Full PDB file with SEQRES, HELIX, SHEET, SSBOND, CRYST1, ORIGX, SCALE, CONECT and MASTER records, all heavy atoms in Angstrom:
SEQRES   1 A   43  LEU VAL GLN THR GLY GLY SER LEU ARG LEU SER CYS VAL          
SEQRES   2 A   43  ALA SER GLY GLY THR PHE SER ARG TYR GLY VAL GLY TRP          
SEQRES   3 A   43  PHE ARG GLN PRO PRO GLY LYS GLU ARG GLU PHE VAL ALA          
SEQRES   4 A   43  ALA ILE ALA TRP                                              
HELIX    1 AA1 PHE A   19  ARG A   21  5                                   3    
SHEET    1 AA1 2 VAL A  24  ARG A  28  0                                        
SHEET    2 AA1 2 GLU A  36  ILE A  41 -1                                        
CRYST1    1.000    1.000    1.000  90.00  90.00  90.00 P 1           1          
ORIGX1      1.000000  0.000000  0.000000        0.00000                         
ORIGX2      0.000000  1.000000  0.000000        0.00000                         
ORIGX3      0.000000  0.000000  1.000000        0.00000                         
SCALE1      1.000000  0.000000  0.000000        0.00000                         
SCALE2      0.000000  1.000000  0.000000        0.00000                         
SCALE3      0.000000  0.000000  1.000000        0.00000                         
ATOM      1  N   LEU A   1       0.858  -1.176  -0.035  1.00  0.00           N  
ATOM      2  CA  LEU A   1       0.055  -0.002   0.025  1.00  0.00           C  
ATOM      3  C   LEU A   1       0.831   1.278   0.036  1.00  0.00           C  
ATOM      4  O   LEU A   1       1.793   1.336   0.797  1.00  0.00           O  
ATOM      5  CB  LEU A   1      -0.940  -0.047   1.234  1.00  0.00           C  
ATOM      6  CG  LEU A   1      -1.805   1.295   1.436  1.00  0.00           C  
ATOM      7  CD1 LEU A   1      -2.846   1.277   0.310  1.00  0.00           C  
ATOM      8  CD2 LEU A   1      -2.500   1.201   2.782  1.00  0.00           C  
ATOM      9  N   VAL A   2       0.571   2.155  -0.974  1.00  0.00           N  
ATOM     10  CA  VAL A   2       1.337   3.417  -1.014  1.00  0.00           C  
ATOM     11  C   VAL A   2       0.418   4.530  -1.286  1.00  0.00           C  
ATOM     12  O   VAL A   2      -0.669   4.340  -1.960  1.00  0.00           O  
ATOM     13  CB  VAL A   2       2.357   3.204  -2.065  1.00  0.00           C  
ATOM     14  CG1 VAL A   2       1.899   3.120  -3.536  1.00  0.00           C  
ATOM     15  CG2 VAL A   2       3.287   4.466  -2.049  1.00  0.00           C  
ATOM     16  N   GLN A   3       0.695   5.683  -0.892  1.00  0.00           N  
ATOM     17  CA  GLN A   3      -0.093   6.910  -1.160  1.00  0.00           C  
ATOM     18  C   GLN A   3       0.158   7.379  -2.520  1.00  0.00           C  
ATOM     19  O   GLN A   3       1.203   7.163  -3.187  1.00  0.00           O  
ATOM     20  CB  GLN A   3       0.183   8.013  -0.181  1.00  0.00           C  
ATOM     21  CG  GLN A   3      -0.250   7.730   1.208  1.00  0.00           C  
ATOM     22  CD  GLN A   3       0.085   8.828   2.205  1.00  0.00           C  
ATOM     23  OE1 GLN A   3       0.016   9.938   1.872  1.00  0.00           O  
ATOM     24  NE2 GLN A   3       0.344   8.405   3.437  1.00  0.00           N  
ATOM     25  N   THR A   4      -0.776   8.150  -3.135  1.00  0.00           N  
ATOM     26  CA  THR A   4      -0.643   8.685  -4.399  1.00  0.00           C  
ATOM     27  C   THR A   4       0.570   9.531  -4.391  1.00  0.00           C  
ATOM     28  O   THR A   4       0.847  10.423  -3.579  1.00  0.00           O  
ATOM     29  CB  THR A   4      -1.842   9.563  -4.721  1.00  0.00           C  
ATOM     30  OG1 THR A   4      -3.044   8.711  -4.832  1.00  0.00           O  
ATOM     31  CG2 THR A   4      -1.673  10.372  -6.078  1.00  0.00           C  
ATOM     32  N   GLY A   5       1.407   9.476  -5.529  1.00  0.00           N  
ATOM     33  CA  GLY A   5       2.605  10.159  -5.524  1.00  0.00           C  
ATOM     34  C   GLY A   5       3.834   9.500  -4.986  1.00  0.00           C  
ATOM     35  O   GLY A   5       4.973   9.913  -5.088  1.00  0.00           O  
ATOM     36  N   GLY A   6       3.500   8.345  -4.310  1.00  0.00           N  
ATOM     37  CA  GLY A   6       4.725   7.605  -3.690  1.00  0.00           C  
ATOM     38  C   GLY A   6       5.387   6.644  -4.604  1.00  0.00           C  
ATOM     39  O   GLY A   6       5.102   6.694  -5.869  1.00  0.00           O  
ATOM     40  N   SER A   7       6.270   5.915  -4.065  1.00  0.00           N  
ATOM     41  CA  SER A   7       7.137   4.973  -4.915  1.00  0.00           C  
ATOM     42  C   SER A   7       7.212   3.645  -4.279  1.00  0.00           C  
ATOM     43  O   SER A   7       7.031   3.473  -3.108  1.00  0.00           O  
ATOM     44  CB  SER A   7       8.505   5.519  -5.105  1.00  0.00           C  
ATOM     45  OG  SER A   7       8.648   6.790  -5.689  1.00  0.00           O  
ATOM     46  N   LEU A   8       7.336   2.648  -5.226  1.00  0.00           N  
ATOM     47  CA  LEU A   8       7.581   1.322  -4.819  1.00  0.00           C  
ATOM     48  C   LEU A   8       8.523   0.618  -5.781  1.00  0.00           C  
ATOM     49  O   LEU A   8       8.609   1.080  -6.972  1.00  0.00           O  
ATOM     50  CB  LEU A   8       6.320   0.452  -4.806  1.00  0.00           C  
ATOM     51  CG  LEU A   8       5.195   0.561  -3.663  1.00  0.00           C  
ATOM     52  CD1 LEU A   8       4.057  -0.200  -4.005  1.00  0.00           C  
ATOM     53  CD2 LEU A   8       5.859   0.142  -2.360  1.00  0.00           C  
ATOM     54  N   ARG A   9       9.300  -0.317  -5.295  1.00  0.00           N  
ATOM     55  CA  ARG A   9      10.139  -1.057  -6.244  1.00  0.00           C  
ATOM     56  C   ARG A   9       9.839  -2.579  -6.188  1.00  0.00           C  
ATOM     57  O   ARG A   9       9.961  -3.109  -5.137  1.00  0.00           O  
ATOM     58  CB  ARG A   9      11.632  -0.920  -5.918  1.00  0.00           C  
ATOM     59  CG  ARG A   9      12.531  -1.524  -6.965  1.00  0.00           C  
ATOM     60  CD  ARG A   9      14.028  -1.312  -6.719  1.00  0.00           C  
ATOM     61  NE  ARG A   9      14.516  -2.118  -5.612  1.00  0.00           N  
ATOM     62  CZ  ARG A   9      15.774  -2.441  -5.443  1.00  0.00           C  
ATOM     63  NH1 ARG A   9      16.738  -1.954  -6.260  1.00  0.00           N  
ATOM     64  NH2 ARG A   9      16.143  -3.295  -4.451  1.00  0.00           N  
ATOM     65  N   LEU A  10       9.341  -3.071  -7.272  1.00  0.00           N  
ATOM     66  CA  LEU A  10       9.046  -4.416  -7.393  1.00  0.00           C  
ATOM     67  C   LEU A  10      10.308  -5.210  -7.754  1.00  0.00           C  
ATOM     68  O   LEU A  10      11.023  -4.763  -8.688  1.00  0.00           O  
ATOM     69  CB  LEU A  10       7.889  -4.710  -8.351  1.00  0.00           C  
ATOM     70  CG  LEU A  10       6.601  -3.852  -8.075  1.00  0.00           C  
ATOM     71  CD1 LEU A  10       5.508  -4.312  -9.159  1.00  0.00           C  
ATOM     72  CD2 LEU A  10       6.054  -4.055  -6.647  1.00  0.00           C  
ATOM     73  N   SER A  11      10.362  -6.485  -7.288  1.00  0.00           N  
ATOM     74  CA  SER A  11      11.463  -7.345  -7.667  1.00  0.00           C  
ATOM     75  C   SER A  11      10.886  -8.689  -8.218  1.00  0.00           C  
ATOM     76  O   SER A  11       9.830  -9.129  -7.824  1.00  0.00           O  
ATOM     77  CB  SER A  11      12.400  -7.689  -6.467  1.00  0.00           C  
ATOM     78  OG  SER A  11      13.016  -6.470  -5.919  1.00  0.00           O  
ATOM     79  N   CYS A  12      11.605  -9.214  -9.145  1.00  0.00           N  
ATOM     80  CA  CYS A  12      11.257 -10.433  -9.720  1.00  0.00           C  
ATOM     81  C   CYS A  12      12.388 -11.385  -9.689  1.00  0.00           C  
ATOM     82  O   CYS A  12      13.375 -11.099 -10.448  1.00  0.00           O  
ATOM     83  CB  CYS A  12      10.685 -10.329 -11.140  1.00  0.00           C  
ATOM     84  SG  CYS A  12      10.350 -11.918 -12.021  1.00  0.00           S  
ATOM     85  N   VAL A  13      12.482 -12.375  -8.881  1.00  0.00           N  
ATOM     86  CA  VAL A  13      13.576 -13.314  -8.639  1.00  0.00           C  
ATOM     87  C   VAL A  13      13.287 -14.570  -9.407  1.00  0.00           C  
ATOM     88  O   VAL A  13      12.297 -15.240  -9.174  1.00  0.00           O  
ATOM     89  CB  VAL A  13      13.904 -13.550  -7.247  1.00  0.00           C  
ATOM     90  CG1 VAL A  13      15.108 -14.498  -7.054  1.00  0.00           C  
ATOM     91  CG2 VAL A  13      14.154 -12.227  -6.504  1.00  0.00           C  
ATOM     92  N   ALA A  14      14.292 -15.045 -10.193  1.00  0.00           N  
ATOM     93  CA  ALA A  14      14.085 -16.210 -11.056  1.00  0.00           C  
ATOM     94  C   ALA A  14      14.997 -17.338 -10.529  1.00  0.00           C  
ATOM     95  O   ALA A  14      16.145 -17.064  -9.961  1.00  0.00           O  
ATOM     96  CB  ALA A  14      14.451 -15.943 -12.435  1.00  0.00           C  
ATOM     97  N   SER A  15      14.469 -18.581 -10.568  1.00  0.00           N  
ATOM     98  CA  SER A  15      15.267 -19.778 -10.327  1.00  0.00           C  
ATOM     99  C   SER A  15      15.067 -20.775 -11.448  1.00  0.00           C  
ATOM    100  O   SER A  15      14.003 -20.803 -12.047  1.00  0.00           O  
ATOM    101  CB  SER A  15      14.873 -20.294  -8.953  1.00  0.00           C  
ATOM    102  OG  SER A  15      13.535 -20.770  -8.898  1.00  0.00           O  
ATOM    103  N   GLY A  16      16.210 -21.542 -11.659  1.00  0.00           N  
ATOM    104  CA  GLY A  16      16.067 -22.483 -12.785  1.00  0.00           C  
ATOM    105  C   GLY A  16      16.363 -21.747 -14.181  1.00  0.00           C  
ATOM    106  O   GLY A  16      16.143 -20.556 -14.302  1.00  0.00           O  
ATOM    107  N   GLY A  17      16.787 -22.582 -15.082  1.00  0.00           N  
ATOM    108  CA  GLY A  17      17.229 -21.977 -16.505  1.00  0.00           C  
ATOM    109  C   GLY A  17      18.297 -20.995 -16.355  1.00  0.00           C  
ATOM    110  O   GLY A  17      19.014 -20.937 -15.331  1.00  0.00           O  
ATOM    111  N   THR A  18      18.577 -20.371 -17.471  1.00  0.00           N  
ATOM    112  CA  THR A  18      19.679 -19.409 -17.591  1.00  0.00           C  
ATOM    113  C   THR A  18      18.966 -18.067 -17.755  1.00  0.00           C  
ATOM    114  O   THR A  18      18.661 -17.629 -18.757  1.00  0.00           O  
ATOM    115  CB  THR A  18      20.608 -19.784 -18.789  1.00  0.00           C  
ATOM    116  OG1 THR A  18      21.127 -21.025 -18.642  1.00  0.00           O  
ATOM    117  CG2 THR A  18      21.651 -18.665 -18.814  1.00  0.00           C  
ATOM    118  N   PHE A  19      18.817 -17.465 -16.664  1.00  0.00           N  
ATOM    119  CA  PHE A  19      17.949 -16.244 -16.505  1.00  0.00           C  
ATOM    120  C   PHE A  19      18.480 -15.100 -17.442  1.00  0.00           C  
ATOM    121  O   PHE A  19      17.685 -14.325 -17.896  1.00  0.00           O  
ATOM    122  CB  PHE A  19      17.826 -15.757 -15.073  1.00  0.00           C  
ATOM    123  CG  PHE A  19      16.948 -14.578 -15.007  1.00  0.00           C  
ATOM    124  CD1 PHE A  19      15.635 -14.800 -15.147  1.00  0.00           C  
ATOM    125  CD2 PHE A  19      17.354 -13.344 -14.570  1.00  0.00           C  
ATOM    126  CE1 PHE A  19      14.668 -13.721 -14.994  1.00  0.00           C  
ATOM    127  CE2 PHE A  19      16.506 -12.308 -14.425  1.00  0.00           C  
ATOM    128  CZ  PHE A  19      15.123 -12.417 -14.649  1.00  0.00           C  
ATOM    129  N   SER A  20      19.793 -15.068 -17.571  1.00  0.00           N  
ATOM    130  CA  SER A  20      20.415 -13.916 -18.334  1.00  0.00           C  
ATOM    131  C   SER A  20      19.933 -14.022 -19.795  1.00  0.00           C  
ATOM    132  O   SER A  20      20.063 -13.009 -20.516  1.00  0.00           O  
ATOM    133  CB  SER A  20      21.856 -14.000 -18.134  1.00  0.00           C  
ATOM    134  OG  SER A  20      22.439 -15.146 -18.646  1.00  0.00           O  
ATOM    135  N   ARG A  21      19.472 -15.132 -20.207  1.00  0.00           N  
ATOM    136  CA  ARG A  21      19.073 -15.348 -21.627  1.00  0.00           C  
ATOM    137  C   ARG A  21      17.634 -15.207 -21.816  1.00  0.00           C  
ATOM    138  O   ARG A  21      17.110 -15.593 -22.930  1.00  0.00           O  
ATOM    139  CB  ARG A  21      19.615 -16.691 -22.215  1.00  0.00           C  
ATOM    140  CG  ARG A  21      21.142 -16.767 -22.104  1.00  0.00           C  
ATOM    141  CD  ARG A  21      21.711 -18.164 -22.667  1.00  0.00           C  
ATOM    142  NE  ARG A  21      21.523 -18.175 -24.105  1.00  0.00           N  
ATOM    143  CZ  ARG A  21      21.860 -19.231 -24.828  1.00  0.00           C  
ATOM    144  NH1 ARG A  21      22.421 -20.227 -24.264  1.00  0.00           N  
ATOM    145  NH2 ARG A  21      21.691 -19.160 -26.086  1.00  0.00           N  
ATOM    146  N   TYR A  22      16.923 -14.706 -20.902  1.00  0.00           N  
ATOM    147  CA  TYR A  22      15.343 -14.519 -21.093  1.00  0.00           C  
ATOM    148  C   TYR A  22      15.157 -13.045 -21.038  1.00  0.00           C  
ATOM    149  O   TYR A  22      15.653 -12.220 -20.255  1.00  0.00           O  
ATOM    150  CB  TYR A  22      14.705 -15.177 -19.846  1.00  0.00           C  
ATOM    151  CG  TYR A  22      14.634 -16.667 -19.944  1.00  0.00           C  
ATOM    152  CD1 TYR A  22      15.664 -17.501 -19.555  1.00  0.00           C  
ATOM    153  CD2 TYR A  22      13.411 -17.329 -20.365  1.00  0.00           C  
ATOM    154  CE1 TYR A  22      15.525 -18.889 -19.707  1.00  0.00           C  
ATOM    155  CE2 TYR A  22      13.355 -18.618 -20.406  1.00  0.00           C  
ATOM    156  CZ  TYR A  22      14.344 -19.436 -20.135  1.00  0.00           C  
ATOM    157  OH  TYR A  22      14.148 -20.823 -20.155  1.00  0.00           O  
ATOM    158  N   GLY A  23      14.222 -12.720 -21.943  1.00  0.00           N  
ATOM    159  CA  GLY A  23      13.606 -11.435 -21.884  1.00  0.00           C  
ATOM    160  C   GLY A  23      12.594 -11.468 -20.855  1.00  0.00           C  
ATOM    161  O   GLY A  23      11.975 -12.507 -20.507  1.00  0.00           O  
ATOM    162  N   VAL A  24      12.375 -10.370 -20.122  1.00  0.00           N  
ATOM    163  CA  VAL A  24      11.344 -10.233 -19.003  1.00  0.00           C  
ATOM    164  C   VAL A  24      10.454  -9.041 -19.243  1.00  0.00           C  
ATOM    165  O   VAL A  24      10.786  -8.018 -19.581  1.00  0.00           O  
ATOM    166  CB  VAL A  24      12.147 -10.161 -17.724  1.00  0.00           C  
ATOM    167  CG1 VAL A  24      11.197  -9.993 -16.554  1.00  0.00           C  
ATOM    168  CG2 VAL A  24      12.969 -11.358 -17.466  1.00  0.00           C  
ATOM    169  N   GLY A  25       9.177  -9.445 -18.935  1.00  0.00           N  
ATOM    170  CA  GLY A  25       8.193  -8.396 -19.027  1.00  0.00           C  
ATOM    171  C   GLY A  25       7.374  -8.226 -17.637  1.00  0.00           C  
ATOM    172  O   GLY A  25       7.323  -9.150 -16.847  1.00  0.00           O  
ATOM    173  N   TRP A  26       6.939  -7.015 -17.427  1.00  0.00           N  
ATOM    174  CA  TRP A  26       5.950  -6.776 -16.307  1.00  0.00           C  
ATOM    175  C   TRP A  26       4.608  -6.526 -16.839  1.00  0.00           C  
ATOM    176  O   TRP A  26       4.459  -5.751 -17.790  1.00  0.00           O  
ATOM    177  CB  TRP A  26       6.367  -5.660 -15.442  1.00  0.00           C  
ATOM    178  CG  TRP A  26       7.517  -5.922 -14.473  1.00  0.00           C  
ATOM    179  CD1 TRP A  26       8.874  -5.640 -14.804  1.00  0.00           C  
ATOM    180  CD2 TRP A  26       7.489  -6.510 -13.227  1.00  0.00           C  
ATOM    181  NE1 TRP A  26       9.598  -6.058 -13.624  1.00  0.00           N  
ATOM    182  CE2 TRP A  26       8.742  -6.609 -12.696  1.00  0.00           C  
ATOM    183  CE3 TRP A  26       6.419  -6.960 -12.460  1.00  0.00           C  
ATOM    184  CZ2 TRP A  26       9.043  -7.130 -11.447  1.00  0.00           C  
ATOM    185  CZ3 TRP A  26       6.701  -7.451 -11.217  1.00  0.00           C  
ATOM    186  CH2 TRP A  26       7.982  -7.573 -10.632  1.00  0.00           C  
ATOM    187  N   PHE A  27       3.612  -7.138 -16.273  1.00  0.00           N  
ATOM    188  CA  PHE A  27       2.222  -6.990 -16.642  1.00  0.00           C  
ATOM    189  C   PHE A  27       1.414  -6.622 -15.433  1.00  0.00           C  
ATOM    190  O   PHE A  27       1.906  -7.030 -14.349  1.00  0.00           O  
ATOM    191  CB  PHE A  27       1.590  -8.238 -17.446  1.00  0.00           C  
ATOM    192  CG  PHE A  27       2.293  -8.472 -18.737  1.00  0.00           C  
ATOM    193  CD1 PHE A  27       3.515  -9.115 -18.724  1.00  0.00           C  
ATOM    194  CD2 PHE A  27       1.711  -8.089 -19.854  1.00  0.00           C  
ATOM    195  CE1 PHE A  27       4.093  -9.479 -19.996  1.00  0.00           C  
ATOM    196  CE2 PHE A  27       2.282  -8.416 -21.119  1.00  0.00           C  
ATOM    197  CZ  PHE A  27       3.510  -9.062 -21.152  1.00  0.00           C  
ATOM    198  N   ARG A  28       0.278  -6.115 -15.591  1.00  0.00           N  
ATOM    199  CA  ARG A  28      -0.564  -5.861 -14.394  1.00  0.00           C  
ATOM    200  C   ARG A  28      -1.999  -6.095 -14.689  1.00  0.00           C  
ATOM    201  O   ARG A  28      -2.466  -5.937 -15.863  1.00  0.00           O  
ATOM    202  CB  ARG A  28      -0.442  -4.500 -13.880  1.00  0.00           C  
ATOM    203  CG  ARG A  28      -0.844  -3.308 -14.733  1.00  0.00           C  
ATOM    204  CD  ARG A  28      -0.394  -1.961 -14.258  1.00  0.00           C  
ATOM    205  NE  ARG A  28      -0.860  -0.940 -15.129  1.00  0.00           N  
ATOM    206  CZ  ARG A  28      -0.595   0.386 -14.975  1.00  0.00           C  
ATOM    207  NH1 ARG A  28       0.204   0.706 -13.883  1.00  0.00           N  
ATOM    208  NH2 ARG A  28      -1.057   1.278 -15.713  1.00  0.00           N  
ATOM    209  N   GLN A  29      -2.838  -6.409 -13.645  1.00  0.00           N  
ATOM    210  CA  GLN A  29      -4.221  -6.681 -13.793  1.00  0.00           C  
ATOM    211  C   GLN A  29      -4.916  -5.904 -12.684  1.00  0.00           C  
ATOM    212  O   GLN A  29      -4.992  -6.238 -11.687  1.00  0.00           O  
ATOM    213  CB  GLN A  29      -4.510  -8.147 -13.677  1.00  0.00           C  
ATOM    214  CG  GLN A  29      -6.006  -8.408 -14.031  1.00  0.00           C  
ATOM    215  CD  GLN A  29      -6.230  -9.907 -14.225  1.00  0.00           C  
ATOM    216  OE1 GLN A  29      -5.500 -10.728 -13.758  1.00  0.00           O  
ATOM    217  NE2 GLN A  29      -7.377 -10.211 -14.939  1.00  0.00           N  
ATOM    218  N   PRO A  30      -5.609  -4.768 -13.175  1.00  0.00           N  
ATOM    219  CA  PRO A  30      -6.384  -3.982 -12.169  1.00  0.00           C  
ATOM    220  C   PRO A  30      -7.633  -4.752 -11.847  1.00  0.00           C  
ATOM    221  O   PRO A  30      -8.123  -5.658 -12.592  1.00  0.00           O  
ATOM    222  CB  PRO A  30      -6.665  -2.710 -13.106  1.00  0.00           C  
ATOM    223  CG  PRO A  30      -5.673  -2.642 -14.165  1.00  0.00           C  
ATOM    224  CD  PRO A  30      -5.461  -4.064 -14.471  1.00  0.00           C  
ATOM    225  N   PRO A  31      -8.225  -4.399 -10.703  1.00  0.00           N  
ATOM    226  CA  PRO A  31      -9.435  -5.092 -10.393  1.00  0.00           C  
ATOM    227  C   PRO A  31     -10.567  -5.069 -11.337  1.00  0.00           C  
ATOM    228  O   PRO A  31     -10.863  -3.935 -11.855  1.00  0.00           O  
ATOM    229  CB  PRO A  31      -9.962  -4.343  -9.025  1.00  0.00           C  
ATOM    230  CG  PRO A  31      -8.644  -3.774  -8.530  1.00  0.00           C  
ATOM    231  CD  PRO A  31      -7.809  -3.464  -9.716  1.00  0.00           C  
ATOM    232  N   GLY A  32     -11.063  -6.174 -11.749  1.00  0.00           N  
ATOM    233  CA  GLY A  32     -12.146  -6.228 -12.742  1.00  0.00           C  
ATOM    234  C   GLY A  32     -11.755  -6.005 -14.221  1.00  0.00           C  
ATOM    235  O   GLY A  32     -12.655  -5.781 -14.979  1.00  0.00           O  
ATOM    236  N   LYS A  33     -10.501  -5.865 -14.439  1.00  0.00           N  
ATOM    237  CA  LYS A  33     -10.039  -5.501 -15.771  1.00  0.00           C  
ATOM    238  C   LYS A  33      -9.165  -6.599 -16.361  1.00  0.00           C  
ATOM    239  O   LYS A  33      -8.672  -7.426 -15.681  1.00  0.00           O  
ATOM    240  CB  LYS A  33      -9.319  -4.191 -15.816  1.00  0.00           C  
ATOM    241  CG  LYS A  33     -10.274  -2.993 -15.334  1.00  0.00           C  
ATOM    242  CD  LYS A  33      -9.472  -1.644 -15.455  1.00  0.00           C  
ATOM    243  CE  LYS A  33     -10.445  -0.535 -14.986  1.00  0.00           C  
ATOM    244  NZ  LYS A  33      -9.641   0.750 -15.096  1.00  0.00           N  
ATOM    245  N   GLU A  34      -8.793  -6.543 -17.647  1.00  0.00           N  
ATOM    246  CA  GLU A  34      -7.983  -7.413 -18.300  1.00  0.00           C  
ATOM    247  C   GLU A  34      -6.468  -7.148 -17.950  1.00  0.00           C  
ATOM    248  O   GLU A  34      -6.114  -5.945 -17.603  1.00  0.00           O  
ATOM    249  CB  GLU A  34      -8.150  -7.336 -19.830  1.00  0.00           C  
ATOM    250  CG  GLU A  34      -9.464  -7.671 -20.342  1.00  0.00           C  
ATOM    251  CD  GLU A  34      -9.795  -9.143 -20.204  1.00  0.00           C  
ATOM    252  OE1 GLU A  34      -8.855  -9.973 -20.252  1.00  0.00           O  
ATOM    253  OE2 GLU A  34     -11.027  -9.483 -20.059  1.00  0.00           O  
ATOM    254  N   ARG A  35      -5.659  -8.169 -18.026  1.00  0.00           N  
ATOM    255  CA  ARG A  35      -4.251  -7.980 -17.777  1.00  0.00           C  
ATOM    256  C   ARG A  35      -3.624  -7.150 -18.926  1.00  0.00           C  
ATOM    257  O   ARG A  35      -3.990  -7.384 -20.087  1.00  0.00           O  
ATOM    258  CB  ARG A  35      -3.601  -9.335 -17.541  1.00  0.00           C  
ATOM    259  CG  ARG A  35      -2.207  -9.277 -17.184  1.00  0.00           C  
ATOM    260  CD  ARG A  35      -1.604 -10.507 -16.595  1.00  0.00           C  
ATOM    261  NE  ARG A  35      -1.870 -11.686 -17.365  1.00  0.00           N  
ATOM    262  CZ  ARG A  35      -1.688 -12.933 -17.018  1.00  0.00           C  
ATOM    263  NH1 ARG A  35      -1.391 -13.277 -15.720  1.00  0.00           N  
ATOM    264  NH2 ARG A  35      -1.948 -13.995 -17.916  1.00  0.00           N  
ATOM    265  N   GLU A  36      -2.736  -6.266 -18.562  1.00  0.00           N  
ATOM    266  CA  GLU A  36      -2.121  -5.411 -19.520  1.00  0.00           C  
ATOM    267  C   GLU A  36      -0.570  -5.266 -19.395  1.00  0.00           C  
ATOM    268  O   GLU A  36      -0.058  -5.500 -18.333  1.00  0.00           O  
ATOM    269  CB  GLU A  36      -2.758  -3.978 -19.453  1.00  0.00           C  
ATOM    270  CG  GLU A  36      -2.483  -3.240 -18.190  1.00  0.00           C  
ATOM    271  CD  GLU A  36      -3.237  -1.977 -17.981  1.00  0.00           C  
ATOM    272  OE1 GLU A  36      -4.003  -1.637 -18.741  1.00  0.00           O  
ATOM    273  OE2 GLU A  36      -2.819  -1.163 -17.073  1.00  0.00           O  
ATOM    274  N   PHE A  37       0.010  -4.960 -20.468  1.00  0.00           N  
ATOM    275  CA  PHE A  37       1.472  -4.866 -20.540  1.00  0.00           C  
ATOM    276  C   PHE A  37       1.807  -3.582 -19.729  1.00  0.00           C  
ATOM    277  O   PHE A  37       1.181  -2.563 -19.839  1.00  0.00           O  
ATOM    278  CB  PHE A  37       1.933  -4.770 -22.000  1.00  0.00           C  
ATOM    279  CG  PHE A  37       3.399  -4.303 -22.110  1.00  0.00           C  
ATOM    280  CD1 PHE A  37       4.323  -5.228 -21.798  1.00  0.00           C  
ATOM    281  CD2 PHE A  37       3.706  -3.053 -22.539  1.00  0.00           C  
ATOM    282  CE1 PHE A  37       5.720  -4.819 -22.014  1.00  0.00           C  
ATOM    283  CE2 PHE A  37       4.962  -2.697 -22.730  1.00  0.00           C  
ATOM    284  CZ  PHE A  37       6.006  -3.581 -22.420  1.00  0.00           C  
ATOM    285  N   VAL A  38       2.995  -3.596 -19.211  1.00  0.00           N  
ATOM    286  CA  VAL A  38       3.530  -2.454 -18.355  1.00  0.00           C  
ATOM    287  C   VAL A  38       4.949  -2.166 -18.918  1.00  0.00           C  
ATOM    288  O   VAL A  38       5.255  -1.040 -19.339  1.00  0.00           O  
ATOM    289  CB  VAL A  38       3.640  -2.759 -16.824  1.00  0.00           C  
ATOM    290  CG1 VAL A  38       4.255  -1.560 -16.146  1.00  0.00           C  
ATOM    291  CG2 VAL A  38       2.312  -3.023 -16.292  1.00  0.00           C  
ATOM    292  N   ALA A  39       5.931  -3.101 -18.876  1.00  0.00           N  
ATOM    293  CA  ALA A  39       7.222  -2.844 -19.298  1.00  0.00           C  
ATOM    294  C   ALA A  39       7.885  -4.128 -19.584  1.00  0.00           C  
ATOM    295  O   ALA A  39       7.634  -5.151 -19.182  1.00  0.00           O  
ATOM    296  CB  ALA A  39       8.077  -2.073 -18.198  1.00  0.00           C  
ATOM    297  N   ALA A  40       9.014  -4.005 -20.398  1.00  0.00           N  
ATOM    298  CA  ALA A  40       9.756  -5.227 -20.805  1.00  0.00           C  
ATOM    299  C   ALA A  40      11.166  -4.830 -20.972  1.00  0.00           C  
ATOM    300  O   ALA A  40      11.512  -3.746 -21.191  1.00  0.00           O  
ATOM    301  CB  ALA A  40       9.320  -5.790 -22.027  1.00  0.00           C  
ATOM    302  N   ILE A  41      12.148  -5.890 -20.805  1.00  0.00           N  
ATOM    303  CA  ILE A  41      13.484  -5.651 -20.941  1.00  0.00           C  
ATOM    304  C   ILE A  41      14.142  -6.884 -21.634  1.00  0.00           C  
ATOM    305  O   ILE A  41      13.756  -8.032 -21.298  1.00  0.00           O  
ATOM    306  CB  ILE A  41      14.169  -5.335 -19.654  1.00  0.00           C  
ATOM    307  CG1 ILE A  41      15.554  -5.043 -19.819  1.00  0.00           C  
ATOM    308  CG2 ILE A  41      14.053  -6.545 -18.651  1.00  0.00           C  
ATOM    309  CD1 ILE A  41      16.285  -4.333 -18.493  1.00  0.00           C  
ATOM    310  N   ALA A  42      15.024  -6.718 -22.530  1.00  0.00           N  
ATOM    311  CA  ALA A  42      15.727  -7.732 -23.191  1.00  0.00           C  
ATOM    312  C   ALA A  42      16.775  -8.379 -22.244  1.00  0.00           C  
ATOM    313  O   ALA A  42      17.126  -7.761 -21.196  1.00  0.00           O  
ATOM    314  CB  ALA A  42      16.415  -7.217 -24.499  1.00  0.00           C  
ATOM    315  N   TRP A  43      17.263  -9.592 -22.618  1.00  0.00           N  
ATOM    316  CA  TRP A  43      18.180 -10.275 -21.680  1.00  0.00           C  
ATOM    317  C   TRP A  43      19.436  -9.495 -21.522  1.00  0.00           C  
ATOM    318  O   TRP A  43      20.075  -9.730 -20.407  1.00  0.00           O  
ATOM    319  CB  TRP A  43      18.314 -11.771 -22.144  1.00  0.00           C  
ATOM    320  CG  TRP A  43      19.193 -12.066 -23.272  1.00  0.00           C  
ATOM    321  CD1 TRP A  43      20.273 -11.404 -23.711  1.00  0.00           C  
ATOM    322  CD2 TRP A  43      18.961 -13.124 -24.166  1.00  0.00           C  
ATOM    323  NE1 TRP A  43      20.737 -12.013 -24.784  1.00  0.00           N  
ATOM    324  CE2 TRP A  43      19.967 -13.075 -25.195  1.00  0.00           C  
ATOM    325  CE3 TRP A  43      18.019 -14.162 -24.382  1.00  0.00           C  
ATOM    326  CZ2 TRP A  43      20.040 -14.076 -26.181  1.00  0.00           C  
ATOM    327  CZ3 TRP A  43      18.123 -15.120 -25.339  1.00  0.00           C  
ATOM    328  CH2 TRP A  43      19.095 -15.027 -26.201  1.00  0.00           C  
TER     329      TRP A  43                                                      
MASTER        0    0    0    1    2    0    0    6  328    1    0    4          
END                                                                             
């Protein structure tokens, strides 16, 4: 929970595979809505 104007840092930790060779994306799903793209990064 954060107030409007505040900041958060999300982390995604991977195990298994060779993570450095995977592209990674962030998606989000607001309440009652479809999941949507947020950001992505190449390996």
